[in-house]
C-alpha atoms as a PDB file:
ATOM      1  CA  UNK A   1     198.695  80.744 129.254  1.00  0.00           C
ATOM      2  CA  UNK A   2     200.402  78.247 126.942  1.00  0.00           C
ATOM      3  CA  UNK A   3     201.917  79.441 123.698  1.00  0.00           C
ATOM      4  CA  UNK A   4     200.608  78.046 120.425  1.00  0.00           C
ATOM      5  CA  UNK A   5     203.234  75.950 118.636  1.00  0.00           C
ATOM      6  CA  UNK A   6     204.776  77.388 115.498  1.00  0.00           C
ATOM      7  CA  UNK A   7     202.741  75.837 112.619  1.00  0.00           C
ATOM      8  CA  UNK A   8     205.819  75.357 110.426  1.00  0.00           C
ATOM      9  CA  UNK A   9     207.706  73.546 113.182  1.00  0.00           C
ATOM     10  CA  UNK A  10     204.625  71.523 114.107  1.00  0.00           C
ATOM     11  CA  UNK A  11     204.106  70.494 110.460  1.00  0.00           C
ATOM     12  CA  UNK A  12     207.765  69.408 110.135  1.00  0.00           C
ATOM     13  CA  UNK A  13     207.527  67.485 113.413  1.00  0.00           C
ATOM     14  CA  UNK A  14     204.346  65.714 112.324  1.00  0.00           C
ATOM     15  CA  UNK A  15     205.819  64.815 108.916  1.00  0.00           C
ATOM     16  CA  UNK A  16     208.968  63.434 110.544  1.00  0.00           C
ATOM     17  CA  UNK A  17     206.947  61.438 113.038  1.00  0.00           C
ATOM     18  CA  UNK A  18     204.727  59.975 110.315  1.00  0.00           C
ATOM     19  CA  UNK A  19     207.709  59.107 108.105  1.00  0.00           C
ATOM     20  CA  UNK A  20     209.432  57.334 111.008  1.00  0.00           C
ATOM     21  CA  UNK A  21     206.262  55.539 112.005  1.00  0.00           C
ATOM     22  CA  UNK A  22     205.675  54.274 108.460  1.00  0.00           C
ATOM     23  CA  UNK A  23     209.292  53.128 108.111  1.00  0.00           C
ATOM     24  CA  UNK A  24     209.038  51.244 111.405  1.00  0.00           C
ATOM     25  CA  UNK A  25     205.786  49.604 110.373  1.00  0.00           C
ATOM     26  CA  UNK A  26     207.272  48.463 107.069  1.00  0.00           C
ATOM     27  CA  UNK A  27     210.355  47.026 108.772  1.00  0.00           C
ATOM     28  CA  UNK A  28     208.243  45.327 111.434  1.00  0.00           C
ATOM     29  CA  UNK A  29     205.992  43.807 108.798  1.00  0.00           C
ATOM     30  CA  UNK A  30     208.967  42.430 106.844  1.00  0.00           C
ATOM     31  CA  UNK A  31     210.572  41.000 109.987  1.00  0.00           C
ATOM     32  CA  UNK A  32     207.270  39.445 111.036  1.00  0.00           C
ATOM     33  CA  UNK A  33     206.759  37.902 107.626  1.00  0.00           C
ATOM     34  CA  UNK A  34     210.278  36.430 107.690  1.00  0.00           C
ATOM     35  CA  UNK A  35     209.775  35.040 111.205  1.00  0.00           C
ATOM     36  CA  UNK A  36     206.459  33.474 110.244  1.00  0.00           C
ATOM     37  CA  UNK A  37     207.994  31.826 107.176  1.00  0.00           C
ATOM     38  CA  UNK A  38     210.901  30.449 109.202  1.00  0.00           C
ATOM     39  CA  UNK A  39     208.542  29.106 111.869  1.00  0.00           C
ATOM     40  CA  UNK A  40     206.396  27.482 109.203  1.00  0.00           C
ATOM     41  CA  UNK A  41     209.446  25.895 107.546  1.00  0.00           C
ATOM     42  CA  UNK A  42     210.715  24.622 110.914  1.00  0.00           C
ATOM     43  CA  UNK A  43     207.448  22.778 111.436  1.00  0.00           C
ATOM     44  CA  UNK A  44     208.276  20.576 108.451  1.00  0.00           C
ATOM     45  CA  UNK A  45     211.636  19.489 109.899  1.00  0.00           C
ATOM     46  CA  UNK A  46     211.462  15.761 110.628  1.00  0.00           C
ATOM     47  CA  UNK A  47     207.955  15.383 109.203  1.00  0.00           C
ATOM     48  CA  UNK A  48     209.013  12.182 107.447  1.00  0.00           C
ATOM     49  CA  UNK A  49     209.841  10.657 110.877  1.00  0.00           C
ATOM     50  CA  UNK A  50     206.301  11.094 112.229  1.00  0.00           C
ATOM     51  CA  UNK A  51     204.481   7.760 112.541  1.00  0.00           C
ATOM     52  CA  UNK A  52     201.793   7.446 109.890  1.00  0.00           C
ATOM     53  CA  UNK A  53     203.497   9.774 107.410  1.00  0.00           C
ATOM     54  CA  UNK A  54     204.979   7.621 104.705  1.00  0.00           C
ATOM     55  CA  UNK A  55     206.425   8.330 101.296  1.00  0.00           C
ATOM     56  CA  UNK A  56     203.040   8.878  99.653  1.00  0.00           C
ATOM     57  CA  UNK A  57     201.909  11.364 102.311  1.00  0.00           C
ATOM     58  CA  UNK A  58     205.207  13.238 102.054  1.00  0.00           C
ATOM     59  CA  UNK A  59     204.843  13.355  98.266  1.00  0.00           C
ATOM     60  CA  UNK A  60     201.383  14.916  98.652  1.00  0.00           C
ATOM     61  CA  UNK A  61     202.667  17.503 101.133  1.00  0.00           C
ATOM     62  CA  UNK A  62     205.665  18.362  98.937  1.00  0.00           C
ATOM     63  CA  UNK A  63     203.478  18.680  95.837  1.00  0.00           C
ATOM     64  CA  UNK A  64     201.014  20.926  97.666  1.00  0.00           C
ATOM     65  CA  UNK A  65     203.494  23.322  99.311  1.00  0.00           C
ATOM     66  CA  UNK A  66     206.182  23.242  96.615  1.00  0.00           C
ATOM     67  CA  UNK A  67     209.504  21.480  96.315  1.00  0.00           C
ATOM     68  CA  UNK A  68     211.571  24.589  97.142  1.00  0.00           C
ATOM     69  CA  UNK A  69     210.359  24.345 100.766  1.00  0.00           C
ATOM     70  CA  UNK A  70     211.687  20.802 101.032  1.00  0.00           C
ATOM     71  CA  UNK A  71     215.009  20.975  99.186  1.00  0.00           C
ATOM     72  CA  UNK A  72     217.768  19.058 100.888  1.00  0.00           C
ATOM     73  CA  UNK A  73     220.640  21.140 102.158  1.00  0.00           C
ATOM     74  CA  UNK A  74     224.204  20.419 101.063  1.00  0.00           C
ATOM     75  CA  UNK A  75     224.975  19.212 104.613  1.00  0.00           C
ATOM     76  CA  UNK A  76     222.552  16.291 104.303  1.00  0.00           C
ATOM     77  CA  UNK A  77     223.883  15.117 100.924  1.00  0.00           C
END
């Protein structure tokens, strides 16, 4: 016959598990959000070189998504 687990130990184990699980979920969410933002920003690289996208189209895209997404780096200057 199996012994019942000590309720105090079981409670501490469950609390530790839940705390670790929540910390992992938070970290995973933040990493996923960062990765998604970087992927999205990478999609705009070279957009001005796509045939059919001229200065007016780029201006509309920049105005819609915000200039901070399209700032030129110091390397390009």
